[in-house]
Amino acid sequence: MWDERFRQPGYFYGTEPSAFLQREAQHLRPGRKALSIADGEGRNSVFMAERGMEVTAMDGSEVAVEKAKKLAEERGVEVDYRVGDITAWDWQHDVYDVVAGIFFQFLAPDERKDVFDGLRRSLRKGGILLLHGYRPDQIEYGTGGPPYPENMYTETLLWEEFASLEVLRLEAYDAEIHEGKGHNGMSALIDLVARKI
């Protein structure tokens, strides 16, 4: 399904970084190591690399990764792109200063729990988790994301899953976003910014 989506002409989610990542750009500092999971066609990883970060990015679609490489080349940055299954990813311990997970809500709750564990493990002490996605109310908007409310995030869910981290910001809100064809229109969003302590 993902290869088919990403084979369409152009960039399905656009080439500009998510509005969330732009708002949190103060965490994206030169020389720091970053991991971008389910990175798609590279819009977020390229933005991090443009800010001088050493970026590793993974996605399950080989088609998406090839487009991401092309985008990075066009923007004159280097990113370590890898094709991999997020449910079987080798989560290295204490490696990254920033881990970004943006709109990866294709996972069912049991799969998501393992990935959340991996996100925590991958962060170094003092590292920042940047997590952005949809709330269940998004189903009514129908402007992006899967049609499964159980895949969405709530404030309670994120508080519980990331209780071991220092939560710097957890915010649920509605906003209009225009990020390619994939995320377009009024949306029910939620952001988590947290530090590993």
C-alpha atoms as a PDB file:
ATOM      1  CA  MET A   1       0.000   0.000   0.000  1.00  0.00           C
ATOM      2  CA  TRP A   2       2.746   2.471   0.963  1.00  0.00           C
ATOM      3  CA  ASP A   3       4.813   1.819  -2.172  1.00  0.00           C
ATOM      4  CA  GLU A   4       1.709   2.431  -4.270  1.00  0.00           C
ATOM      5  CA  ARG A   5       0.967   5.674  -2.443  1.00  0.00           C
ATOM      6  CA  PHE A   6       4.515   6.956  -2.810  1.00  0.00           C
ATOM      7  CA  ARG A   7       4.742   6.018  -6.510  1.00  0.00           C
ATOM      8  CA  GLN A   8       2.312   8.854  -7.297  1.00  0.00           C
ATOM      9  CA  PRO A   9       3.907  11.889  -8.978  1.00  0.00           C
ATOM     10  CA  GLY A  10       5.226  14.496  -6.575  1.00  0.00           C
ATOM     11  CA  TYR A  11       5.478  14.147  -2.811  1.00  0.00           C
ATOM     12  CA  PHE A  12       2.343  12.817  -1.121  1.00  0.00           C
ATOM     13  CA  TYR A  13       2.957  14.749   2.116  1.00  0.00           C
ATOM     14  CA  GLY A  14       4.827  17.612   0.456  1.00  0.00           C
ATOM     15  CA  THR A  15       8.493  18.537   0.738  1.00  0.00           C
ATOM     16  CA  GLU A  16       8.251  21.006   3.612  1.00  0.00           C
ATOM     17  CA  PRO A  17       8.647  19.712   7.185  1.00  0.00           C
ATOM     18  CA  SER A  18       5.630  19.258   9.401  1.00  0.00           C
ATOM     19  CA  ALA A  19       4.417  22.419  11.105  1.00  0.00           C
ATOM     20  CA  PHE A  20       5.034  20.648  14.427  1.00  0.00           C
ATOM     21  CA  LEU A  21       8.711  20.024  13.640  1.00  0.00           C
ATOM     22  CA  GLN A  22       9.161  23.627  12.567  1.00  0.00           C
ATOM     23  CA  ARG A  23       7.668  24.826  15.875  1.00  0.00           C
ATOM     24  CA  GLU A  24      10.069  22.585  17.813  1.00  0.00           C
ATOM     25  CA  ALA A  25      13.137  23.510  15.775  1.00  0.00           C
ATOM     26  CA  GLN A  26      14.956  24.816  18.871  1.00  0.00           C
ATOM     27  CA  HIS A  27      15.685  21.157  19.702  1.00  0.00           C
ATOM     28  CA  LEU A  28      17.334  20.556  16.307  1.00  0.00           C
ATOM     29  CA  ARG A  29      20.891  21.689  16.963  1.00  0.00           C
ATOM     30  CA  PRO A  30      23.990  21.278  14.799  1.00  0.00           C
ATOM     31  CA  GLY A  31      26.106  18.245  15.570  1.00  0.00           C
ATOM     32  CA  ARG A  32      23.386  16.407  17.462  1.00  0.00           C
ATOM     33  CA  LYS A  33      22.291  12.918  16.390  1.00  0.00           C
ATOM     34  CA  ALA A  34      18.681  12.421  15.304  1.00  0.00           C
ATOM     35  CA  LEU A  35      16.441   9.534  14.294  1.00  0.00           C
ATOM     36  CA  SER A  36      13.323  10.084  12.206  1.00  0.00           C
ATOM     37  CA  ILE A  37      11.035   7.029  12.159  1.00  0.00           C
ATOM     38  CA  ALA A  38       8.480   6.268   9.436  1.00  0.00           C
ATOM     39  CA  ASP A  39      10.082   9.203   7.643  1.00  0.00           C
ATOM     40  CA  GLY A  40       8.306   8.701   4.316  1.00  0.00           C
ATOM     41  CA  GLU A  41       9.628  10.805   1.446  1.00  0.00           C
ATOM     42  CA  GLY A  42      12.115  12.708   3.580  1.00  0.00           C
ATOM     43  CA  ARG A  43      10.526  16.066   4.340  1.00  0.00           C
ATOM     44  CA  ASN A  44      11.296  15.896   8.070  1.00  0.00           C
ATOM     45  CA  SER A  45      14.710  14.227   7.938  1.00  0.00           C
ATOM     46  CA  VAL A  46      15.926  16.707   5.324  1.00  0.00           C
ATOM     47  CA  PHE A  47      14.816  19.606   7.518  1.00  0.00           C
ATOM     48  CA  MET A  48      16.772  18.205  10.451  1.00  0.00           C
ATOM     49  CA  ALA A  49      19.853  17.697   8.277  1.00  0.00           C
ATOM     50  CA  GLU A  50      19.554  21.256   6.973  1.00  0.00           C
ATOM     51  CA  ARG A  51      19.895  22.383  10.586  1.00  0.00           C
ATOM     52  CA  GLY A  52      23.261  20.624  10.861  1.00  0.00           C
ATOM     53  CA  MET A  53      22.119  17.429  12.554  1.00  0.00           C
ATOM     54  CA  GLU A  54      23.524  13.943  11.918  1.00  0.00           C
ATOM     55  CA  VAL A  55      20.302  12.215  10.830  1.00  0.00           C
ATOM     56  CA  THR A  56      19.301   8.587  10.442  1.00  0.00           C
ATOM     57  CA  ALA A  57      15.883   8.080   8.867  1.00  0.00           C
ATOM     58  CA  MET A  58      13.934   4.877   8.351  1.00  0.00           C
ATOM     59  CA  ASP A  59      10.800   3.925   6.447  1.00  0.00           C
ATOM     60  CA  GLY A  60       9.192   0.683   5.373  1.00  0.00           C
ATOM     61  CA  SER A  61       8.735   1.788   1.760  1.00  0.00           C
ATOM     62  CA  GLU A  62      11.685   1.491  -0.583  1.00  0.00           C
ATOM     63  CA  VAL A  63       9.892   3.831  -3.001  1.00  0.00           C
ATOM     64  CA  ALA A  64       9.590   6.507  -0.300  1.00  0.00           C
ATOM     65  CA  VAL A  65      13.243   6.157   0.697  1.00  0.00           C
ATOM     66  CA  GLU A  66      14.385   6.608  -2.907  1.00  0.00           C
ATOM     67  CA  LYS A  67      12.348   9.817  -3.136  1.00  0.00           C
ATOM     68  CA  ALA A  68      13.772  10.955   0.208  1.00  0.00           C
ATOM     69  CA  LYS A  69      17.317  10.433  -1.092  1.00  0.00           C
ATOM     70  CA  LYS A  70      16.467  12.537  -4.134  1.00  0.00           C
ATOM     71  CA  LEU A  71      15.063  15.323  -1.939  1.00  0.00           C
ATOM     72  CA  ALA A  72      18.172  15.292   0.266  1.00  0.00           C
ATOM     73  CA  GLU A  73      20.407  15.504  -2.794  1.00  0.00           C
ATOM     74  CA  GLU A  74      18.390  18.421  -4.194  1.00  0.00           C
ATOM     75  CA  ARG A  75      18.689  20.259  -0.864  1.00  0.00           C
ATOM     76  CA  GLY A  76      22.411  19.521  -0.554  1.00  0.00           C
ATOM     77  CA  VAL A  77      22.309  17.525   2.678  1.00  0.00           C
ATOM     78  CA  GLU A  78      23.292  14.032   3.774  1.00  0.00           C
ATOM     79  CA  VAL A  79      20.939  11.663   5.589  1.00  0.00           C
ATOM     80  CA  ASP A  80      21.545   8.003   6.451  1.00  0.00           C
ATOM     81  CA  TYR A  81      18.400   6.516   4.897  1.00  0.00           C
ATOM     82  CA  ARG A  82      17.390   2.957   5.713  1.00  0.00           C
ATOM     83  CA  VAL A  83      14.520   0.740   4.594  1.00  0.00           C
ATOM     84  CA  GLY A  84      13.112  -1.269   7.476  1.00  0.00           C
ATOM     85  CA  ASP A  85      10.042  -2.688   9.151  1.00  0.00           C
ATOM     86  CA  ILE A  86       9.261  -0.491  12.142  1.00  0.00           C
ATOM     87  CA  THR A  87       7.901  -3.483  14.097  1.00  0.00           C
ATOM     88  CA  ALA A  88      11.244  -5.308  13.690  1.00  0.00           C
ATOM     89  CA  TRP A  89      13.565  -2.297  13.926  1.00  0.00           C
ATOM     90  CA  ASP A  90      16.795  -2.707  15.897  1.00  0.00           C
ATOM     91  CA  TRP A  91      16.304  -0.023  18.542  1.00  0.00           C
ATOM     92  CA  GLN A  92      19.800   0.848  19.703  1.00  0.00           C
ATOM     93  CA  HIS A  93      20.232   2.010  23.286  1.00  0.00           C
ATOM     94  CA  ASP A  94      21.150   5.571  24.273  1.00  0.00           C
ATOM     95  CA  VAL A  95      22.181   6.750  20.795  1.00  0.00           C
ATOM     96  CA  TYR A  96      20.118   9.775  19.771  1.00  0.00           C
ATOM     97  CA  ASP A  97      19.780  13.335  21.030  1.00  0.00           C
ATOM     98  CA  VAL A  98      16.440  13.693  19.211  1.00  0.00           C
ATOM     99  CA  VAL A  99      13.948  11.052  18.088  1.00  0.00           C
ATOM    100  CA  ALA A 100      11.079  12.247  15.889  1.00  0.00           C
ATOM    101  CA  GLY A 101       7.905  10.250  15.297  1.00  0.00           C
ATOM    102  CA  ILE A 102       5.503  12.245  13.158  1.00  0.00           C
ATOM    103  CA  PHE A 103       2.185  10.851  11.894  1.00  0.00           C
ATOM    104  CA  PHE A 104       3.041   7.153  12.134  1.00  0.00           C
ATOM    105  CA  GLN A 105      -0.447   6.016  13.141  1.00  0.00           C
ATOM    106  CA  PHE A 106      -0.679   2.986  10.893  1.00  0.00           C
ATOM    107  CA  LEU A 107       0.248   0.823  13.913  1.00  0.00           C
ATOM    108  CA  ALA A 108      -2.326  -1.070  15.957  1.00  0.00           C
ATOM    109  CA  PRO A 109      -2.097  -0.471  19.730  1.00  0.00           C
ATOM    110  CA  ASP A 110      -0.116  -3.675  20.471  1.00  0.00           C
ATOM    111  CA  GLU A 111       2.467  -2.864  17.769  1.00  0.00           C
ATOM    112  CA  ARG A 112       2.589   0.770  18.866  1.00  0.00           C
ATOM    113  CA  LYS A 113       3.512  -0.165  22.428  1.00  0.00           C
ATOM    114  CA  ASP A 114       6.682  -1.943  21.279  1.00  0.00           C
ATOM    115  CA  VAL A 115       7.636   1.008  19.076  1.00  0.00           C
ATOM    116  CA  PHE A 116       7.073   3.451  21.942  1.00  0.00           C
ATOM    117  CA  ASP A 117       9.425   1.307  24.050  1.00  0.00           C
ATOM    118  CA  GLY A 118      11.995   1.521  21.265  1.00  0.00           C
ATOM    119  CA  LEU A 119      11.706   5.294  21.046  1.00  0.00           C
ATOM    120  CA  ARG A 120      12.481   5.611  24.754  1.00  0.00           C
ATOM    121  CA  ARG A 121      15.432   3.218  24.580  1.00  0.00           C
ATOM    122  CA  SER A 122      16.974   5.007  21.596  1.00  0.00           C
ATOM    123  CA  LEU A 123      17.207   8.349  23.380  1.00  0.00           C
ATOM    124  CA  ARG A 124      20.330   9.358  25.257  1.00  0.00           C
ATOM    125  CA  LYS A 125      19.928  10.827  28.721  1.00  0.00           C
ATOM    126  CA  GLY A 126      18.752  14.389  28.154  1.00  0.00           C
ATOM    127  CA  GLY A 127      17.545  13.489  24.650  1.00  0.00           C
ATOM    128  CA  ILE A 128      14.296  14.871  23.288  1.00  0.00           C
ATOM    129  CA  LEU A 129      11.332  12.899  21.961  1.00  0.00           C
ATOM    130  CA  LEU A 130       9.200  14.750  19.398  1.00  0.00           C
ATOM    131  CA  LEU A 131       5.910  12.913  18.844  1.00  0.00           C
ATOM    132  CA  HIS A 132       3.083  14.321  16.723  1.00  0.00           C
ATOM    133  CA  GLY A 133      -0.128  12.762  15.510  1.00  0.00           C
ATOM    134  CA  TYR A 134      -3.890  12.669  15.416  1.00  0.00           C
ATOM    135  CA  ARG A 135      -6.472  12.315  18.186  1.00  0.00           C
ATOM    136  CA  PRO A 136      -9.570  10.103  17.735  1.00  0.00           C
ATOM    137  CA  ASP A 137     -11.616  13.203  16.777  1.00  0.00           C
ATOM    138  CA  GLN A 138      -9.674  13.179  13.518  1.00  0.00           C
ATOM    139  CA  ILE A 139     -12.020  10.481  12.202  1.00  0.00           C
ATOM    140  CA  GLU A 140     -14.784  13.112  11.948  1.00  0.00           C
ATOM    141  CA  TYR A 141     -12.546  15.516  10.022  1.00  0.00           C
ATOM    142  CA  GLY A 142     -11.336  12.877   7.545  1.00  0.00           C
ATOM    143  CA  THR A 143      -8.454  15.085   6.405  1.00  0.00           C
ATOM    144  CA  GLY A 144      -5.662  12.542   6.883  1.00  0.00           C
ATOM    145  CA  GLY A 145      -4.626   9.504   8.847  1.00  0.00           C
ATOM    146  CA  PRO A 146      -6.155   6.041   9.117  1.00  0.00           C
ATOM    147  CA  PRO A 147      -9.863   5.459   9.778  1.00  0.00           C
ATOM    148  CA  TYR A 148      -9.125   3.660  13.057  1.00  0.00           C
ATOM    149  CA  PRO A 149      -9.682   5.631  16.277  1.00  0.00           C
ATOM    150  CA  GLU A 150      -7.735   3.040  18.278  1.00  0.00           C
ATOM    151  CA  ASN A 151      -4.587   4.019  16.349  1.00  0.00           C
ATOM    152  CA  MET A 152      -4.905   7.651  17.427  1.00  0.00           C
ATOM    153  CA  TYR A 153      -3.368   9.255  20.538  1.00  0.00           C
ATOM    154  CA  THR A 154      -5.000  10.780  23.586  1.00  0.00           C
ATOM    155  CA  GLU A 155      -3.387  12.857  26.315  1.00  0.00           C
ATOM    156  CA  THR A 156      -4.007  10.054  28.817  1.00  0.00           C
ATOM    157  CA  LEU A 157      -2.362   7.476  26.553  1.00  0.00           C
ATOM    158  CA  LEU A 158       0.760   9.579  26.041  1.00  0.00           C
ATOM    159  CA  TRP A 159       1.046  10.482  29.745  1.00  0.00           C
ATOM    160  CA  GLU A 160       0.899   6.781  30.623  1.00  0.00           C
ATOM    161  CA  GLU A 161       3.219   5.536  27.867  1.00  0.00           C
ATOM    162  CA  PHE A 162       5.894   8.148  28.504  1.00  0.00           C
ATOM    163  CA  ALA A 163       5.629   8.482  32.284  1.00  0.00           C
ATOM    164  CA  SER A 164       9.355   7.799  32.638  1.00  0.00           C
ATOM    165  CA  LEU A 165      10.219  10.915  30.606  1.00  0.00           C
ATOM    166  CA  GLU A 166      10.025  14.546  31.663  1.00  0.00           C
ATOM    167  CA  VAL A 167       7.100  15.948  29.696  1.00  0.00           C
ATOM    168  CA  LEU A 168       7.971  19.414  28.419  1.00  0.00           C
ATOM    169  CA  ARG A 169       4.790  19.879  26.411  1.00  0.00           C
ATOM    170  CA  LEU A 170       1.704  17.773  25.852  1.00  0.00           C
ATOM    171  CA  GLU A 171      -0.998  19.576  23.923  1.00  0.00           C
ATOM    172  CA  ALA A 172      -4.207  18.522  22.187  1.00  0.00           C
ATOM    173  CA  TYR A 173      -5.634  21.039  19.721  1.00  0.00           C
ATOM    174  CA  ASP A 174      -7.420  21.505  16.409  1.00  0.00           C
ATOM    175  CA  ALA A 175      -5.659  23.294  13.568  1.00  0.00           C
ATOM    176  CA  GLU A 176      -5.741  23.562   9.807  1.00  0.00           C
ATOM    177  CA  ILE A 177      -2.697  22.004   8.177  1.00  0.00           C
ATOM    178  CA  HIS A 178      -1.635  21.748   4.551  1.00  0.00           C
ATOM    179  CA  GLU A 179       1.082  19.128   4.182  1.00  0.00           C
ATOM    180  CA  GLY A 180       0.740  17.717   0.693  1.00  0.00           C
ATOM    181  CA  LYS A 181      -2.273  15.660  -0.320  1.00  0.00           C
ATOM    182  CA  GLY A 182      -1.899  13.404   2.711  1.00  0.00           C
ATOM    183  CA  HIS A 183      -2.604  15.913   5.496  1.00  0.00           C
ATOM    184  CA  ASN A 184      -4.839  18.675   4.260  1.00  0.00           C
ATOM    185  CA  GLY A 185      -7.497  20.602   6.177  1.00  0.00           C
ATOM    186  CA  MET A 186      -8.787  21.033   9.711  1.00  0.00           C
ATOM    187  CA  SER A 187      -7.260  18.345  11.911  1.00  0.00           C
ATOM    188  CA  ALA A 188      -7.483  17.001  15.479  1.00  0.00           C
ATOM    189  CA  LEU A 189      -3.826  17.012  16.558  1.00  0.00           C
ATOM    190  CA  ILE A 190      -1.731  16.160  19.577  1.00  0.00           C
ATOM    191  CA  ASP A 191       1.915  16.956  20.347  1.00  0.00           C
ATOM    192  CA  LEU A 192       4.303  15.465  22.869  1.00  0.00           C
ATOM    193  CA  VAL A 193       7.724  16.921  23.597  1.00  0.00           C
ATOM    194  CA  ALA A 194       9.550  15.028  26.339  1.00  0.00           C
ATOM    195  CA  ARG A 195      13.090  14.652  27.713  1.00  0.00           C
ATOM    196  CA  LYS A 196      14.750  11.425  28.836  1.00  0.00           C
ATOM    197  CA  ILE A 197      15.899  11.793  32.447  1.00  0.00           C
END
